[in-house]
């Protein structure tokens, strides 16, 4: 499929409806852009949510990861230590 589109004064391009439909793209979807041998290549991208943890949240994780003396004893027994 070859379609001509133009670059706007703001550097934007419009993906025609037929291209969006063929790729299953909808408004707000992310695209990966790369330049290969003088060509612009766009492909659908997957974006995963990222959570930046606060110091308080990290402390919560640390507290939850601590084992009690009873748990440590059970672990040692199970591991033959």
N, C-alpha and C. Protein backbone atom coordinates (compact mmCIF):
# COMPACT_ATOMS: atom_id res chain seq x y z
N UNK A 1 0.85 -1.17 0.00
CA UNK A 1 0.00 0.00 0.00
C UNK A 1 0.90 1.23 0.00
N UNK A 2 0.74 2.09 -0.96
CA UNK A 2 1.49 3.35 -1.03
C UNK A 2 0.51 4.50 -1.07
N UNK A 3 0.67 5.43 -0.14
CA UNK A 3 -0.22 6.57 -0.03
C UNK A 3 0.65 7.81 0.19
N UNK A 4 0.31 8.88 -0.45
CA UNK A 4 1.04 10.13 -0.27
C UNK A 4 0.35 10.95 0.80
N UNK A 5 1.15 11.46 1.73
CA UNK A 5 0.65 12.37 2.77
C UNK A 5 1.64 13.52 2.87
N UNK A 6 1.27 14.58 3.52
CA UNK A 6 2.14 15.75 3.62
C UNK A 6 2.50 16.04 5.06
N UNK A 7 3.64 16.69 5.22
CA UNK A 7 4.07 17.14 6.54
C UNK A 7 3.52 18.55 6.74
N UNK A 8 2.83 18.76 7.87
CA UNK A 8 2.26 20.08 8.17
C UNK A 8 3.38 21.03 8.60
N UNK A 9 3.07 22.32 8.67
CA UNK A 9 4.07 23.29 9.15
C UNK A 9 4.57 22.96 10.57
N UNK A 10 3.76 22.23 11.34
CA UNK A 10 4.16 21.84 12.70
C UNK A 10 4.87 20.50 12.74
N UNK A 11 5.16 19.91 11.57
CA UNK A 11 5.86 18.64 11.51
C UNK A 11 4.97 17.43 11.67
N UNK A 12 3.67 17.61 11.56
CA UNK A 12 2.73 16.51 11.74
C UNK A 12 2.35 15.89 10.40
N UNK A 13 2.01 14.60 10.45
CA UNK A 13 1.45 13.93 9.28
C UNK A 13 0.12 13.31 9.69
N UNK A 14 -0.73 13.09 8.70
CA UNK A 14 -2.00 12.42 8.95
C UNK A 14 -1.92 11.03 8.36
N UNK A 15 -2.25 10.04 9.18
CA UNK A 15 -2.35 8.67 8.67
C UNK A 15 -3.77 8.51 8.14
N UNK A 16 -3.90 8.24 6.87
CA UNK A 16 -5.24 8.10 6.29
C UNK A 16 -6.03 7.00 6.99
N UNK A 17 -7.34 7.13 6.95
CA UNK A 17 -8.23 6.18 7.62
C UNK A 17 -7.97 4.75 7.16
N UNK A 18 -7.68 4.56 5.88
CA UNK A 18 -7.45 3.20 5.37
C UNK A 18 -6.21 2.57 6.01
N UNK A 19 -5.19 3.39 6.28
CA UNK A 19 -3.97 2.89 6.92
C UNK A 19 -4.27 2.57 8.39
N UNK A 20 -4.95 3.48 9.08
CA UNK A 20 -5.30 3.25 10.49
C UNK A 20 -6.14 1.98 10.63
N UNK A 21 -7.09 1.81 9.70
CA UNK A 21 -7.95 0.62 9.76
C UNK A 21 -7.13 -0.64 9.51
N UNK A 22 -6.26 -0.61 8.51
CA UNK A 22 -5.45 -1.78 8.17
C UNK A 22 -4.55 -2.20 9.34
N UNK A 23 -4.08 -1.21 10.11
CA UNK A 23 -3.19 -1.50 11.24
C UNK A 23 -3.94 -1.61 12.57
N UNK A 24 -5.23 -1.34 12.55
CA UNK A 24 -6.00 -1.41 13.79
C UNK A 24 -5.65 -0.30 14.76
N UNK A 25 -5.27 0.87 14.22
CA UNK A 25 -4.89 2.01 15.07
C UNK A 25 -6.10 2.87 15.38
N UNK A 26 -6.09 3.41 16.60
CA UNK A 26 -7.14 4.36 16.97
C UNK A 26 -6.49 5.57 17.64
N UNK A 27 -7.25 6.61 17.81
CA UNK A 27 -6.72 7.85 18.42
C UNK A 27 -6.06 7.54 19.75
N UNK A 28 -4.88 8.08 19.96
CA UNK A 28 -4.17 7.88 21.22
C UNK A 28 -3.20 6.71 21.21
N UNK A 29 -3.25 5.85 20.19
CA UNK A 29 -2.31 4.73 20.13
C UNK A 29 -0.89 5.25 19.93
N UNK A 30 0.07 4.52 20.45
CA UNK A 30 1.48 4.90 20.34
C UNK A 30 2.11 4.25 19.11
N UNK A 31 3.01 4.98 18.49
CA UNK A 31 3.76 4.47 17.35
C UNK A 31 5.25 4.58 17.64
N UNK A 32 5.99 3.61 17.19
CA UNK A 32 7.45 3.65 17.27
C UNK A 32 7.95 4.20 15.95
N UNK A 33 8.78 5.24 16.00
CA UNK A 33 9.32 5.86 14.79
C UNK A 33 10.81 5.61 14.76
N UNK A 34 11.30 5.18 13.62
CA UNK A 34 12.75 5.05 13.45
C UNK A 34 13.11 5.47 12.03
N UNK A 35 14.34 5.84 11.84
CA UNK A 35 14.84 6.22 10.52
C UNK A 35 15.77 5.10 10.05
N UNK A 36 15.47 4.54 8.90
CA UNK A 36 16.25 3.45 8.32
C UNK A 36 16.64 3.82 6.90
N UNK A 37 17.92 3.93 6.67
CA UNK A 37 18.43 4.18 5.32
C UNK A 37 17.69 5.32 4.63
N UNK A 38 17.52 6.43 5.36
CA UNK A 38 16.88 7.61 4.79
C UNK A 38 15.38 7.54 4.69
N UNK A 39 14.77 6.52 5.33
CA UNK A 39 13.32 6.39 5.31
C UNK A 39 12.78 6.47 6.73
N UNK A 40 11.57 6.97 6.86
CA UNK A 40 10.88 7.00 8.15
C UNK A 40 10.01 5.75 8.22
N UNK A 41 10.19 4.98 9.29
CA UNK A 41 9.41 3.76 9.48
C UNK A 41 8.59 3.91 10.76
N UNK A 42 7.30 3.73 10.66
CA UNK A 42 6.39 3.79 11.80
C UNK A 42 5.80 2.41 12.03
N UNK A 43 5.72 2.01 13.28
CA UNK A 43 5.05 0.76 13.59
C UNK A 43 4.34 0.88 14.93
N UNK A 44 3.26 0.14 15.10
CA UNK A 44 2.55 0.20 16.38
C UNK A 44 3.48 -0.17 17.52
N UNK A 45 3.33 0.52 18.65
CA UNK A 45 4.18 0.26 19.81
C UNK A 45 3.30 -0.10 21.00
N UNK A 46 3.86 -0.89 21.89
CA UNK A 46 3.17 -1.20 23.14
C UNK A 46 3.80 -0.36 24.23
N UNK A 47 2.96 0.32 24.96
CA UNK A 47 3.44 1.15 26.05
C UNK A 47 2.90 0.56 27.34
N UNK A 48 3.81 0.24 28.24
CA UNK A 48 3.41 -0.34 29.52
C UNK A 48 3.43 0.74 30.59
N UNK A 49 2.46 0.72 31.48
CA UNK A 49 2.45 1.73 32.54
C UNK A 49 3.67 1.56 33.45
N UNK A 50 4.19 2.66 33.89
CA UNK A 50 5.35 2.66 34.77
C UNK A 50 5.00 3.43 36.02
N UNK A 51 5.28 2.83 37.16
CA UNK A 51 5.01 3.50 38.42
C UNK A 51 6.33 3.91 39.05
N UNK A 52 6.46 5.17 39.38
CA UNK A 52 7.64 5.65 40.10
C UNK A 52 7.33 5.53 41.58
N UNK A 53 8.11 4.73 42.28
CA UNK A 53 7.84 4.47 43.69
C UNK A 53 8.43 5.55 44.59
N UNK A 54 7.64 5.95 45.55
CA UNK A 54 8.12 6.89 46.57
C UNK A 54 8.93 6.11 47.60
N UNK A 55 9.69 6.81 48.41
CA UNK A 55 10.46 6.16 49.47
C UNK A 55 9.52 5.41 50.42
N UNK A 56 8.35 5.98 50.68
CA UNK A 56 7.38 5.32 51.56
C UNK A 56 6.91 4.00 50.96
N UNK A 57 6.65 4.01 49.66
CA UNK A 57 6.19 2.78 48.99
C UNK A 57 7.29 1.72 49.00
N UNK A 58 8.52 2.13 48.80
CA UNK A 58 9.64 1.19 48.84
C UNK A 58 9.75 0.57 50.22
N UNK A 59 9.55 1.37 51.26
CA UNK A 59 9.57 0.84 52.63
C UNK A 59 8.45 -0.18 52.83
N UNK A 60 7.28 0.07 52.25
CA UNK A 60 6.19 -0.90 52.33
C UNK A 60 6.59 -2.23 51.73
N UNK A 61 7.24 -2.17 50.56
CA UNK A 61 7.71 -3.40 49.91
C UNK A 61 8.72 -4.13 50.79
N UNK A 62 9.64 -3.35 51.36
CA UNK A 62 10.67 -3.96 52.21
C UNK A 62 10.05 -4.63 53.44
N UNK A 63 9.08 -3.97 54.06
CA UNK A 63 8.42 -4.56 55.22
C UNK A 63 7.67 -5.84 54.83
N UNK A 64 7.02 -5.82 53.69
CA UNK A 64 6.26 -6.99 53.24
C UNK A 64 7.18 -8.16 52.88
N UNK A 65 8.42 -7.85 52.51
CA UNK A 65 9.36 -8.90 52.10
C UNK A 65 10.09 -9.53 53.29
N UNK A 66 10.00 -8.92 54.46
CA UNK A 66 10.70 -9.45 55.62
C UNK A 66 10.02 -10.73 56.12
N UNK A 67 10.84 -11.70 56.47
CA UNK A 67 10.31 -12.96 56.99
C UNK A 67 10.41 -12.95 58.51
N UNK A 68 9.40 -13.53 59.15
CA UNK A 68 9.40 -13.64 60.61
C UNK A 68 10.37 -14.76 61.01
N UNK A 69 10.67 -14.82 62.31
CA UNK A 69 11.55 -15.89 62.80
C UNK A 69 10.95 -17.25 62.53
N UNK A 70 9.62 -17.37 62.67
CA UNK A 70 8.95 -18.63 62.40
C UNK A 70 9.10 -19.02 60.93
N UNK A 71 8.93 -18.03 60.06
CA UNK A 71 9.07 -18.31 58.63
C UNK A 71 10.51 -18.70 58.29
N UNK A 72 11.48 -18.02 58.88
CA UNK A 72 12.88 -18.36 58.63
C UNK A 72 13.19 -19.78 59.08
N UNK A 73 12.65 -20.17 60.23
CA UNK A 73 12.85 -21.53 60.73
C UNK A 73 12.25 -22.54 59.76
N UNK A 74 11.05 -22.26 59.27
CA UNK A 74 10.40 -23.16 58.31
C UNK A 74 11.19 -23.24 57.01
N UNK A 75 11.72 -22.09 56.55
CA UNK A 75 12.53 -22.08 55.32
C UNK A 75 13.77 -22.95 55.50
N UNK A 76 14.48 -22.75 56.63
CA UNK A 76 15.69 -23.50 56.89
C UNK A 76 15.41 -25.00 56.94
N UNK A 77 14.31 -25.36 57.56
CA UNK A 77 13.93 -26.78 57.65
C UNK A 77 13.63 -27.34 56.25
N UNK A 78 12.87 -26.57 55.47
CA UNK A 78 12.52 -27.02 54.12
C UNK A 78 13.75 -27.14 53.22
N UNK A 79 14.73 -26.26 53.44
CA UNK A 79 15.94 -26.26 52.60
C UNK A 79 17.03 -27.19 53.15
N UNK A 80 16.73 -27.82 54.27
CA UNK A 80 17.70 -28.73 54.87
C UNK A 80 18.89 -28.04 55.49
N UNK A 81 18.68 -26.85 56.03
CA UNK A 81 19.79 -26.08 56.65
C UNK A 81 19.75 -26.20 58.16
